[in-house]
């Protein structure tokens, strides 16, 4: 089969097309003919071996696929690796049947970004009705969904951040009450100004560096910051536990694989609710573009440069 293979770590340039043997599924796996593969920011970290889970070479990157099995049933699934390929063998435990009326792009947008946004709001920060939510990178894959879910879950005000006027307008179109420039040098002041001078209850952050530092300072008493990535590739300042007492604030880290360790099929619950919202026309997926498999490098370049919005996918058939 045709796939993208990495034989050395680095930037987008290490993504190379290769012919590799077809994978053989175990009894606990599905065999899917891949129609689309999702592209996530985590993939860029996997390519340079800076992800939470270390990568061994050679590797086929990609953590999510949508495709059909031999009976024609359509699934969207998470894979530890191997997504950028014509055939994938995901675990049955991390595979979800796609309802009729849900497109490939919509399904892929839900299995990582949608589930991440759902878990951040439901489990990590426990959003309560009427609270104020800040969504950083609000035009991105997780952010564009989180803005809509925050509203659907009863947020009183949603404040979006994005780097361009076009992206900020997109966040407003998706339901944000106000959008601010993510390049603001004093993010604490910008957030409070957007909230009529008041501190905020919930912040979803995947930027890292000073944005995380300044966001933490904008939290109200008993405010929560959901931290789920470090796109800037800059670490926040170390946080002394005692400093959290200043405003009784909470920092919650969130990595999607841990959700599969929870009892009660929490990810399955999230997927069902997300699919239902799409079918009810209450959740809109922003397509960031489809790239032929051979253009995986371009997809990574666009993602890392923040030139993209919404959900990016690869087409292994092209």
C-alpha atoms as a PDB file:
ATOM      1  CA  UNK A   1       0.000   0.000   0.000  1.00  0.00           C
ATOM      2  CA  UNK A   2       0.947   3.659  -0.359  1.00  0.00           C
ATOM      3  CA  UNK A   3       1.684   5.558   2.842  1.00  0.00           C
ATOM      4  CA  UNK A   4       3.627   8.436   4.315  1.00  0.00           C
ATOM      5  CA  UNK A   5       6.664   7.144   6.148  1.00  0.00           C
ATOM      6  CA  UNK A   6       9.136   8.892   8.450  1.00  0.00           C
ATOM      7  CA  UNK A   7      12.659   7.487   8.573  1.00  0.00           C
ATOM      8  CA  UNK A   8      14.305  10.428  10.352  1.00  0.00           C
ATOM      9  CA  UNK A   9      12.922  12.996  12.777  1.00  0.00           C
ATOM     10  CA  UNK A  10      12.433  16.607  11.810  1.00  0.00           C
ATOM     11  CA  UNK A  11       9.974  19.078  10.364  1.00  0.00           C
ATOM     12  CA  UNK A  12       7.469  18.628   7.532  1.00  0.00           C
ATOM     13  CA  UNK A  13      10.283  17.737   5.127  1.00  0.00           C
ATOM     14  CA  UNK A  14      10.620  14.259   6.710  1.00  0.00           C
ATOM     15  CA  UNK A  15       7.175  13.199   5.455  1.00  0.00           C
ATOM     16  CA  UNK A  16       7.887  10.995   2.451  1.00  0.00           C
ATOM     17  CA  UNK A  17       5.641   8.820   0.265  1.00  0.00           C
ATOM     18  CA  UNK A  18       6.566   5.135   0.388  1.00  0.00           C
ATOM     19  CA  UNK A  19       5.274   1.723  -0.665  1.00  0.00           C
ATOM     20  CA  UNK A  20       4.975  -0.451   2.440  1.00  0.00           C
ATOM     21  CA  UNK A  21       3.454  -3.869   3.228  1.00  0.00           C
ATOM     22  CA  UNK A  22      -0.260  -3.976   3.981  1.00  0.00           C
ATOM     23  CA  UNK A  23      -0.955  -4.216   7.727  1.00  0.00           C
ATOM     24  CA  UNK A  24      -2.510  -7.424   9.065  1.00  0.00           C
ATOM     25  CA  UNK A  25      -5.159  -6.977  11.784  1.00  0.00           C
ATOM     26  CA  UNK A  26      -5.348  -9.006  14.980  1.00  0.00           C
ATOM     27  CA  UNK A  27      -8.647 -10.343  16.330  1.00  0.00           C
ATOM     28  CA  UNK A  28      -9.016  -7.138  18.359  1.00  0.00           C
ATOM     29  CA  UNK A  29      -8.558  -4.880  15.334  1.00  0.00           C
ATOM     30  CA  UNK A  30     -10.531  -3.777  12.296  1.00  0.00           C
ATOM     31  CA  UNK A  31      -9.179  -3.724   8.747  1.00  0.00           C
ATOM     32  CA  UNK A  32     -10.252  -0.453   7.143  1.00  0.00           C
ATOM     33  CA  UNK A  33      -9.829   0.855   3.630  1.00  0.00           C
ATOM     34  CA  UNK A  34      -9.087   4.477   4.464  1.00  0.00           C
ATOM     35  CA  UNK A  35     -11.127   7.132   2.666  1.00  0.00           C
ATOM     36  CA  UNK A  36      -9.692  10.071   4.629  1.00  0.00           C
ATOM     37  CA  UNK A  37      -6.995  10.503   7.276  1.00  0.00           C
ATOM     38  CA  UNK A  38      -7.109  13.341   9.759  1.00  0.00           C
ATOM     39  CA  UNK A  39      -4.237  15.749  10.352  1.00  0.00           C
ATOM     40  CA  UNK A  40      -3.680  16.960  13.905  1.00  0.00           C
ATOM     41  CA  UNK A  41      -1.171  19.232  15.574  1.00  0.00           C
ATOM     42  CA  UNK A  42       0.032  16.212  17.545  1.00  0.00           C
ATOM     43  CA  UNK A  43       1.217  14.736  14.226  1.00  0.00           C
ATOM     44  CA  UNK A  44       3.725  17.565  13.857  1.00  0.00           C
ATOM     45  CA  UNK A  45       5.150  16.669  17.264  1.00  0.00           C
ATOM     46  CA  UNK A  46       5.259  12.984  16.305  1.00  0.00           C
ATOM     47  CA  UNK A  47       7.310  13.876  13.224  1.00  0.00           C
ATOM     48  CA  UNK A  48       9.976  15.567  15.357  1.00  0.00           C
ATOM     49  CA  UNK A  49       9.660  13.105  18.285  1.00  0.00           C
ATOM     50  CA  UNK A  50       8.485  15.774  20.728  1.00  0.00           C
ATOM     51  CA  UNK A  51       5.115  14.171  21.473  1.00  0.00           C
ATOM     52  CA  UNK A  52       4.059  12.832  24.886  1.00  0.00           C
ATOM     53  CA  UNK A  53       4.400   9.281  23.572  1.00  0.00           C
ATOM     54  CA  UNK A  54       7.921   8.661  22.132  1.00  0.00           C
ATOM     55  CA  UNK A  55       8.116   7.551  18.502  1.00  0.00           C
ATOM     56  CA  UNK A  56      10.269   4.776  17.071  1.00  0.00           C
ATOM     57  CA  UNK A  57      11.476   4.838  13.462  1.00  0.00           C
ATOM     58  CA  UNK A  58      10.443   4.041  10.843  1.00  0.00           C
ATOM     59  CA  UNK A  59       6.867   5.121  11.450  1.00  0.00           C
ATOM     60  CA  UNK A  60       3.749   5.926   9.477  1.00  0.00           C
ATOM     61  CA  UNK A  61       2.331   9.010  11.212  1.00  0.00           C
ATOM     62  CA  UNK A  62      -1.304   9.879  11.736  1.00  0.00           C
ATOM     63  CA  UNK A  63      -3.629   9.204  14.624  1.00  0.00           C
ATOM     64  CA  UNK A  64      -7.104   9.077  13.050  1.00  0.00           C
ATOM     65  CA  UNK A  65      -8.790   7.547  10.030  1.00  0.00           C
ATOM     66  CA  UNK A  66     -12.229   7.072   8.562  1.00  0.00           C
ATOM     67  CA  UNK A  67     -12.957   4.173   6.239  1.00  0.00           C
ATOM     68  CA  UNK A  68     -14.925   1.019   5.553  1.00  0.00           C
ATOM     69  CA  UNK A  69     -14.491  -2.613   6.532  1.00  0.00           C
ATOM     70  CA  UNK A  70     -15.119  -5.624   4.283  1.00  0.00           C
ATOM     71  CA  UNK A  71     -18.876  -5.462   4.978  1.00  0.00           C
ATOM     72  CA  UNK A  72     -19.126  -1.811   3.957  1.00  0.00           C
ATOM     73  CA  UNK A  73     -19.660  -0.499   7.495  1.00  0.00           C
ATOM     74  CA  UNK A  74     -18.037   2.887   7.992  1.00  0.00           C
ATOM     75  CA  UNK A  75     -15.917   3.657  11.045  1.00  0.00           C
ATOM     76  CA  UNK A  76     -13.917   6.568  12.368  1.00  0.00           C
ATOM     77  CA  UNK A  77     -11.058   5.460  14.546  1.00  0.00           C
ATOM     78  CA  UNK A  78      -8.027   6.441  16.547  1.00  0.00           C
ATOM     79  CA  UNK A  79      -4.711   4.736  15.850  1.00  0.00           C
ATOM     80  CA  UNK A  80      -1.413   5.031  17.713  1.00  0.00           C
ATOM     81  CA  UNK A  81       0.249   5.496  14.313  1.00  0.00           C
ATOM     82  CA  UNK A  82      -0.350   4.434  10.726  1.00  0.00           C
ATOM     83  CA  UNK A  83      -3.093   6.883   9.804  1.00  0.00           C
ATOM     84  CA  UNK A  84      -1.433   8.387   6.732  1.00  0.00           C
ATOM     85  CA  UNK A  85      -1.997   5.302   4.610  1.00  0.00           C
ATOM     86  CA  UNK A  86      -4.434   3.534   2.299  1.00  0.00           C
ATOM     87  CA  UNK A  87      -5.156   0.775   4.840  1.00  0.00           C
ATOM     88  CA  UNK A  88      -5.315   0.951   8.646  1.00  0.00           C
ATOM     89  CA  UNK A  89      -5.899  -1.520  11.479  1.00  0.00           C
ATOM     90  CA  UNK A  90      -7.397   0.379  14.430  1.00  0.00           C
ATOM     91  CA  UNK A  91      -8.403  -1.258  17.686  1.00  0.00           C
ATOM     92  CA  UNK A  92     -12.097  -2.081  17.907  1.00  0.00           C
ATOM     93  CA  UNK A  93     -12.029  -0.306  21.288  1.00  0.00           C
ATOM     94  CA  UNK A  94     -11.076   3.014  19.684  1.00  0.00           C
ATOM     95  CA  UNK A  95     -13.336   2.702  16.636  1.00  0.00           C
ATOM     96  CA  UNK A  96     -16.789   4.237  16.306  1.00  0.00           C
ATOM     97  CA  UNK A  97     -19.373   3.498  13.652  1.00  0.00           C
ATOM     98  CA  UNK A  98     -20.297   6.621  11.694  1.00  0.00           C
ATOM     99  CA  UNK A  99     -24.035   7.370  11.423  1.00  0.00           C
ATOM    100  CA  UNK A 100     -25.608   8.107   8.079  1.00  0.00           C
ATOM    101  CA  UNK A 101     -25.612  11.817   7.352  1.00  0.00           C
ATOM    102  CA  UNK A 102     -22.154  12.398   8.860  1.00  0.00           C
ATOM    103  CA  UNK A 103     -19.426  13.142   6.307  1.00  0.00           C
ATOM    104  CA  UNK A 104     -15.871  11.828   6.486  1.00  0.00           C
ATOM    105  CA  UNK A 105     -14.560  15.262   7.447  1.00  0.00           C
ATOM    106  CA  UNK A 106     -17.207  15.681  10.139  1.00  0.00           C
ATOM    107  CA  UNK A 107     -16.430  12.262  11.574  1.00  0.00           C
ATOM    108  CA  UNK A 108     -12.696  12.947  11.657  1.00  0.00           C
ATOM    109  CA  UNK A 109     -13.254  16.339  13.263  1.00  0.00           C
ATOM    110  CA  UNK A 110     -15.085  14.644  16.123  1.00  0.00           C
ATOM    111  CA  UNK A 111     -12.812  11.732  17.009  1.00  0.00           C
ATOM    112  CA  UNK A 112      -9.898  13.883  18.224  1.00  0.00           C
ATOM    113  CA  UNK A 113     -10.775  17.578  18.155  1.00  0.00           C
ATOM    114  CA  UNK A 114     -14.444  17.163  19.036  1.00  0.00           C
ATOM    115  CA  UNK A 115     -13.777  14.630  21.782  1.00  0.00           C
ATOM    116  CA  UNK A 116     -10.980  16.842  23.116  1.00  0.00           C
ATOM    117  CA  UNK A 117     -13.235  19.906  23.284  1.00  0.00           C
ATOM    118  CA  UNK A 118     -16.010  17.836  24.902  1.00  0.00           C
ATOM    119  CA  UNK A 119     -13.667  16.396  27.548  1.00  0.00           C
ATOM    120  CA  UNK A 120     -12.086  19.769  28.300  1.00  0.00           C
ATOM    121  CA  UNK A 121     -15.475  21.325  28.989  1.00  0.00           C
ATOM    122  CA  UNK A 122     -17.228  18.353  30.600  1.00  0.00           C
ATOM    123  CA  UNK A 123     -14.432  16.616  32.534  1.00  0.00           C
ATOM    124  CA  UNK A 124     -11.388  18.885  32.884  1.00  0.00           C
ATOM    125  CA  UNK A 125     -12.992  22.249  33.648  1.00  0.00           C
ATOM    126  CA  UNK A 126     -16.549  21.159  34.548  1.00  0.00           C
ATOM    127  CA  UNK A 127     -18.188  24.124  32.822  1.00  0.00           C
ATOM    128  CA  UNK A 128     -21.282  25.342  34.667  1.00  0.00           C
ATOM    129  CA  UNK A 129     -24.143  27.280  33.042  1.00  0.00           C
ATOM    130  CA  UNK A 130     -23.593  31.019  32.940  1.00  0.00           C
ATOM    131  CA  UNK A 131     -19.803  30.879  33.264  1.00  0.00           C
ATOM    132  CA  UNK A 132     -17.382  32.780  31.038  1.00  0.00           C
ATOM    133  CA  UNK A 133     -15.156  30.698  28.768  1.00  0.00           C
ATOM    134  CA  UNK A 134     -12.014  31.753  26.883  1.00  0.00           C
ATOM    135  CA  UNK A 135     -11.072  29.601  23.882  1.00  0.00           C
ATOM    136  CA  UNK A 136      -7.561  30.168  22.564  1.00  0.00           C
ATOM    137  CA  UNK A 137      -6.868  29.341  18.890  1.00  0.00           C
ATOM    138  CA  UNK A 138     -10.618  29.546  18.343  1.00  0.00           C
ATOM    139  CA  UNK A 139     -10.443  29.079  14.563  1.00  0.00           C
ATOM    140  CA  UNK A 140      -8.496  25.837  14.825  1.00  0.00           C
ATOM    141  CA  UNK A 141      -9.727  22.267  14.925  1.00  0.00           C
ATOM    142  CA  UNK A 142     -10.412  22.033  18.669  1.00  0.00           C
ATOM    143  CA  UNK A 143     -11.108  25.734  19.129  1.00  0.00           C
ATOM    144  CA  UNK A 144     -13.790  26.033  16.458  1.00  0.00           C
ATOM    145  CA  UNK A 145     -15.677  23.139  18.059  1.00  0.00           C
ATOM    146  CA  UNK A 146     -15.061  24.295  21.641  1.00  0.00           C
ATOM    147  CA  UNK A 147     -16.609  27.699  20.906  1.00  0.00           C
ATOM    148  CA  UNK A 148     -19.812  26.015  19.757  1.00  0.00           C
ATOM    149  CA  UNK A 149     -19.886  23.424  22.538  1.00  0.00           C
ATOM    150  CA  UNK A 150     -19.342  26.059  25.222  1.00  0.00           C
ATOM    151  CA  UNK A 151     -22.438  27.849  23.966  1.00  0.00           C
ATOM    152  CA  UNK A 152     -24.397  24.607  23.676  1.00  0.00           C
ATOM    153  CA  UNK A 153     -23.411  23.689  27.247  1.00  0.00           C
ATOM    154  CA  UNK A 154     -24.713  26.991  28.614  1.00  0.00           C
ATOM    155  CA  UNK A 155     -21.722  29.332  28.840  1.00  0.00           C
ATOM    156  CA  UNK A 156     -22.769  32.882  29.634  1.00  0.00           C
ATOM    157  CA  UNK A 157     -20.040  34.439  27.506  1.00  0.00           C
ATOM    158  CA  UNK A 158     -17.491  32.932  25.131  1.00  0.00           C
ATOM    159  CA  UNK A 159     -14.324  34.900  24.414  1.00  0.00           C
ATOM    160  CA  UNK A 160     -12.293  33.698  21.450  1.00  0.00           C
ATOM    161  CA  UNK A 161      -8.690  34.456  20.553  1.00  0.00           C
ATOM    162  CA  UNK A 162      -7.243  34.215  17.042  1.00  0.00           C
ATOM    163  CA  UNK A 163      -4.349  35.740  15.117  1.00  0.00           C
ATOM    164  CA  UNK A 164      -6.131  37.366  12.170  1.00  0.00           C
ATOM    165  CA  UNK A 165      -9.273  39.388  11.590  1.00  0.00           C
ATOM    166  CA  UNK A 166     -10.622  36.632   9.324  1.00  0.00           C
ATOM    167  CA  UNK A 167     -10.162  33.986  12.024  1.00  0.00           C
ATOM    168  CA  UNK A 168     -11.681  36.217  14.681  1.00  0.00           C
ATOM    169  CA  UNK A 169     -14.724  36.787  12.475  1.00  0.00           C
ATOM    170  CA  UNK A 170     -15.039  33.032  12.004  1.00  0.00           C
ATOM    171  CA  UNK A 171     -15.093  32.589  15.788  1.00  0.00           C
ATOM    172  CA  UNK A 172     -17.861  35.200  16.044  1.00  0.00           C
ATOM    173  CA  UNK A 173     -19.801  33.435  13.290  1.00  0.00           C
ATOM    174  CA  UNK A 174     -19.538  30.204  15.287  1.00  0.00           C
ATOM    175  CA  UNK A 175     -21.047  31.805  18.360  1.00  0.00           C
ATOM    176  CA  UNK A 176     -18.299  33.611  20.262  1.00  0.00           C
ATOM    177  CA  UNK A 177     -19.508  36.805  21.929  1.00  0.00           C
ATOM    178  CA  UNK A 178     -16.222  38.612  21.413  1.00  0.00           C
ATOM    179  CA  UNK A 179     -12.902  37.803  19.712  1.00  0.00           C
ATOM    180  CA  UNK A 180      -9.512  39.255  20.608  1.00  0.00           C
ATOM    181  CA  UNK A 181      -6.094  39.227  18.973  1.00  0.00           C
ATOM    182  CA  UNK A 182      -4.055  36.246  20.153  1.00  0.00           C
ATOM    183  CA  UNK A 183      -0.909  38.293  19.553  1.00  0.00           C
ATOM    184  CA  UNK A 184      -1.780  40.761  22.320  1.00  0.00           C
ATOM    185  CA  UNK A 185       1.325  41.334  24.411  1.00  0.00           C
ATOM    186  CA  UNK A 186      -0.688  41.482  27.640  1.00  0.00           C
ATOM    187  CA  UNK A 187      -3.156  38.620  27.343  1.00  0.00           C
ATOM    188  CA  UNK A 188      -4.293  39.039  30.949  1.00  0.00           C
ATOM    189  CA  UNK A 189      -5.431  42.584  30.268  1.00  0.00           C
ATOM    190  CA  UNK A 190      -6.959  41.665  26.896  1.00  0.00           C
ATOM    191  CA  UNK A 191      -9.023  38.859  28.412  1.00  0.00           C
ATOM    192  CA  UNK A 192     -10.281  40.999  31.278  1.00  0.00           C
ATOM    193  CA  UNK A 193     -11.123  43.891  28.947  1.00  0.00           C
ATOM    194  CA  UNK A 194     -13.161  41.486  26.804  1.00  0.00           C
ATOM    195  CA  UNK A 195     -15.053  40.454  29.951  1.00  0.00           C
ATOM    196  CA  UNK A 196     -15.963  43.983  31.091  1.00  0.00           C
ATOM    197  CA  UNK A 197     -12.934  44.167  33.366  1.00  0.00           C
ATOM    198  CA  UNK A 198     -13.778  40.960  35.214  1.00  0.00           C
ATOM    199  CA  UNK A 199     -11.769  37.774  35.557  1.00  0.00           C
ATOM    200  CA  UNK A 200     -13.015  34.662  33.742  1.00  0.00           C
ATOM    201  CA  UNK A 201     -14.128  31.214  34.869  1.00  0.00           C
ATOM    202  CA  UNK A 202     -12.710  28.811  32.271  1.00  0.00           C
ATOM    203  CA  UNK A 203      -9.829  29.022  29.791  1.00  0.00           C
ATOM    204  CA  UNK A 204      -8.938  26.371  27.199  1.00  0.00           C
ATOM    205  CA  UNK A 205      -5.299  26.679  26.184  1.00  0.00           C
ATOM    206  CA  UNK A 206      -3.037  24.762  23.820  1.00  0.00           C
ATOM    207  CA  UNK A 207      -0.536  27.530  23.154  1.00  0.00           C
ATOM    208  CA  UNK A 208       1.937  27.405  26.028  1.00  0.00           C
ATOM    209  CA  UNK A 209       4.596  30.004  26.870  1.00  0.00           C
ATOM    210  CA  UNK A 210       3.499  33.455  27.929  1.00  0.00           C
ATOM    211  CA  UNK A 211      -0.076  32.880  26.745  1.00  0.00           C
ATOM    212  CA  UNK A 212      -0.497  30.199  29.410  1.00  0.00           C
ATOM    213  CA  UNK A 213       1.226  32.349  32.036  1.00  0.00           C
ATOM    214  CA  UNK A 214      -0.923  35.389  31.303  1.00  0.00           C
ATOM    215  CA  UNK A 215      -4.108  33.357  30.949  1.00  0.00           C
ATOM    216  CA  UNK A 216      -3.653  31.832  34.380  1.00  0.00           C
ATOM    217  CA  UNK A 217      -3.458  35.348  35.816  1.00  0.00           C
ATOM    218  CA  UNK A 218      -6.853  36.180  34.257  1.00  0.00           C
ATOM    219  CA  UNK A 219      -8.776  33.470  36.117  1.00  0.00           C
ATOM    220  CA  UNK A 220     -11.452  34.372  38.648  1.00  0.00           C
ATOM    221  CA  UNK A 221     -11.660  32.689  42.078  1.00  0.00           C
ATOM    222  CA  UNK A 222     -12.222  28.965  41.498  1.00  0.00           C
ATOM    223  CA  UNK A 223     -11.430  29.462  37.794  1.00  0.00           C
ATOM    224  CA  UNK A 224     -10.051  26.540  35.778  1.00  0.00           C
ATOM    225  CA  UNK A 225      -7.500  26.405  32.973  1.00  0.00           C
ATOM    226  CA  UNK A 226      -7.682  23.350  30.723  1.00  0.00           C
ATOM    227  CA  UNK A 227      -4.199  22.806  29.242  1.00  0.00           C
ATOM    228  CA  UNK A 228      -4.025  20.422  26.298  1.00  0.00           C
ATOM    229  CA  UNK A 229      -1.022  21.344  24.181  1.00  0.00           C
ATOM    230  CA  UNK A 230       1.976  23.558  23.555  1.00  0.00           C
ATOM    231  CA  UNK A 231       1.699  24.757  19.956  1.00  0.00           C
ATOM    232  CA  UNK A 232       4.166  27.587  20.524  1.00  0.00           C
ATOM    233  CA  UNK A 233       6.742  24.952  21.504  1.00  0.00           C
ATOM    234  CA  UNK A 234       7.495  27.174  24.499  1.00  0.00           C
ATOM    235  CA  UNK A 235       6.926  25.872  28.009  1.00  0.00           C
ATOM    236  CA  UNK A 236       4.957  27.961  30.500  1.00  0.00           C
ATOM    237  CA  UNK A 237       6.744  29.160  33.616  1.00  0.00           C
ATOM    238  CA  UNK A 238       6.912  26.639  36.449  1.00  0.00           C
ATOM    239  CA  UNK A 239       3.917  26.997  38.748  1.00  0.00           C
ATOM    240  CA  UNK A 240       4.321  26.803  42.507  1.00  0.00           C
ATOM    241  CA  UNK A 241       1.421  24.914  44.066  1.00  0.00           C
ATOM    242  CA  UNK A 242       1.027  27.608  46.724  1.00  0.00           C
ATOM    243  CA  UNK A 243       0.492  30.251  44.017  1.00  0.00           C
ATOM    244  CA  UNK A 244      -2.790  28.564  43.081  1.00  0.00           C
ATOM    245  CA  UNK A 245      -4.154  29.735  46.422  1.00  0.00           C
ATOM    246  CA  UNK A 246      -4.060  33.371  45.267  1.00  0.00           C
ATOM    247  CA  UNK A 247      -7.393  32.990  43.464  1.00  0.00           C
ATOM    248  CA  UNK A 248      -8.247  29.342  44.293  1.00  0.00           C
ATOM    249  CA  UNK A 249      -7.475  28.411  40.698  1.00  0.00           C
ATOM    250  CA  UNK A 250      -7.133  25.004  39.064  1.00  0.00           C
ATOM    251  CA  UNK A 251      -4.941  23.841  36.177  1.00  0.00           C
ATOM    252  CA  UNK A 252      -6.153  20.665  34.487  1.00  0.00           C
ATOM    253  CA  UNK A 253      -3.994  18.860  31.945  1.00  0.00           C
ATOM    254  CA  UNK A 254      -5.778  16.748  29.330  1.00  0.00           C
ATOM    255  CA  UNK A 255      -4.434  14.100  26.951  1.00  0.00           C
ATOM    256  CA  UNK A 256      -7.105  12.250  24.991  1.00  0.00           C
ATOM    257  CA  UNK A 257      -5.699   8.680  25.360  1.00  0.00           C
ATOM    258  CA  UNK A 258      -6.280   8.857  29.111  1.00  0.00           C
ATOM    259  CA  UNK A 259     -10.029   9.177  28.504  1.00  0.00           C
ATOM    260  CA  UNK A 260     -10.090   5.560  27.302  1.00  0.00           C
ATOM    261  CA  UNK A 261      -8.991   4.494  30.791  1.00  0.00           C
ATOM    262  CA  UNK A 262     -12.153   5.920  32.349  1.00  0.00           C
ATOM    263  CA  UNK A 263     -15.036   3.579  33.178  1.00  0.00           C
ATOM    264  CA  UNK A 264     -18.310   3.831  31.339  1.00  0.00           C
ATOM    265  CA  UNK A 265     -17.082   4.385  27.746  1.00  0.00           C
ATOM    266  CA  UNK A 266     -16.743   8.148  28.194  1.00  0.00           C
ATOM    267  CA  UNK A 267     -15.312   8.701  24.706  1.00  0.00           C
ATOM    268  CA  UNK A 268     -18.213   6.752  23.227  1.00  0.00           C
ATOM    269  CA  UNK A 269     -20.629   9.024  25.119  1.00  0.00           C
ATOM    270  CA  UNK A 270     -18.819  12.066  23.759  1.00  0.00           C
ATOM    271  CA  UNK A 271     -18.930  10.764  20.188  1.00  0.00           C
ATOM    272  CA  UNK A 272     -22.649  10.027  20.398  1.00  0.00           C
ATOM    273  CA  UNK A 273     -23.472  13.491  21.733  1.00  0.00           C
ATOM    274  CA  UNK A 274     -21.255  15.138  19.126  1.00  0.00           C
ATOM    275  CA  UNK A 275     -22.788  13.186  16.253  1.00  0.00           C
ATOM    276  CA  UNK A 276     -26.265  14.047  17.542  1.00  0.00           C
ATOM    277  CA  UNK A 277     -25.399  17.754  17.617  1.00  0.00           C
ATOM    278  CA  UNK A 278     -24.161  17.619  14.011  1.00  0.00           C
ATOM    279  CA  UNK A 279     -27.264  15.788  12.814  1.00  0.00           C
ATOM    280  CA  UNK A 280     -29.424  18.358  14.638  1.00  0.00           C
ATOM    281  CA  UNK A 281     -27.509  21.153  12.852  1.00  0.00           C
ATOM    282  CA  UNK A 282     -26.305  22.507  16.210  1.00  0.00           C
ATOM    283  CA  UNK A 283     -22.610  21.847  15.583  1.00  0.00           C
ATOM    284  CA  UNK A 284     -20.784  22.949  12.458  1.00  0.00           C
ATOM    285  CA  UNK A 285     -17.480  21.487  11.296  1.00  0.00           C
ATOM    286  CA  UNK A 286     -15.096  23.855   9.532  1.00  0.00           C
ATOM    287  CA  UNK A 287     -13.215  22.098   6.737  1.00  0.00           C
ATOM    288  CA  UNK A 288      -9.658  23.354   6.556  1.00  0.00           C
ATOM    289  CA  UNK A 289      -8.959  21.633   3.263  1.00  0.00           C
ATOM    290  CA  UNK A 290      -8.273  18.227   1.739  1.00  0.00           C
ATOM    291  CA  UNK A 291      -4.764  17.343   0.600  1.00  0.00           C
ATOM    292  CA  UNK A 292      -3.638  14.410  -1.550  1.00  0.00           C
ATOM    293  CA  UNK A 293      -1.644  11.924   0.518  1.00  0.00           C
ATOM    294  CA  UNK A 294       1.555  13.008  -1.228  1.00  0.00           C
ATOM    295  CA  UNK A 295       0.971  16.578   0.004  1.00  0.00           C
ATOM    296  CA  UNK A 296       1.158  15.653   3.701  1.00  0.00           C
ATOM    297  CA  UNK A 297       4.204  17.891   4.004  1.00  0.00           C
ATOM    298  CA  UNK A 298       2.173  20.889   2.790  1.00  0.00           C
ATOM    299  CA  UNK A 299      -0.577  20.078   5.286  1.00  0.00           C
ATOM    300  CA  UNK A 300       1.951  20.109   8.133  1.00  0.00           C
ATOM    301  CA  UNK A 301       3.487  23.332   6.881  1.00  0.00           C
ATOM    302  CA  UNK A 302       0.088  25.021   6.783  1.00  0.00           C
ATOM    303  CA  UNK A 303      -0.790  23.734  10.245  1.00  0.00           C
ATOM    304  CA  UNK A 304       2.468  24.847  11.841  1.00  0.00           C
ATOM    305  CA  UNK A 305       2.366  28.280  10.220  1.00  0.00           C
ATOM    306  CA  UNK A 306      -1.201  28.827  11.487  1.00  0.00           C
ATOM    307  CA  UNK A 307      -2.311  29.423   7.929  1.00  0.00           C
ATOM    308  CA  UNK A 308      -5.099  26.888   8.317  1.00  0.00           C
ATOM    309  CA  UNK A 309      -8.479  26.868  10.021  1.00  0.00           C
ATOM    310  CA  UNK A 310     -10.721  24.003  11.078  1.00  0.00           C
ATOM    311  CA  UNK A 311     -10.119  20.375  10.162  1.00  0.00           C
ATOM    312  CA  UNK A 312      -7.404  19.277   7.716  1.00  0.00           C
ATOM    313  CA  UNK A 313      -7.543  15.845   6.079  1.00  0.00           C
ATOM    314  CA  UNK A 314      -5.499  13.730   3.680  1.00  0.00           C
ATOM    315  CA  UNK A 315      -7.000  11.779   0.789  1.00  0.00           C
ATOM    316  CA  UNK A 316      -5.161   8.443   0.352  1.00  0.00           C
ATOM    317  CA  UNK A 317      -7.085   7.782  -2.875  1.00  0.00           C
ATOM    318  CA  UNK A 318      -5.663  10.877  -4.621  1.00  0.00           C
END
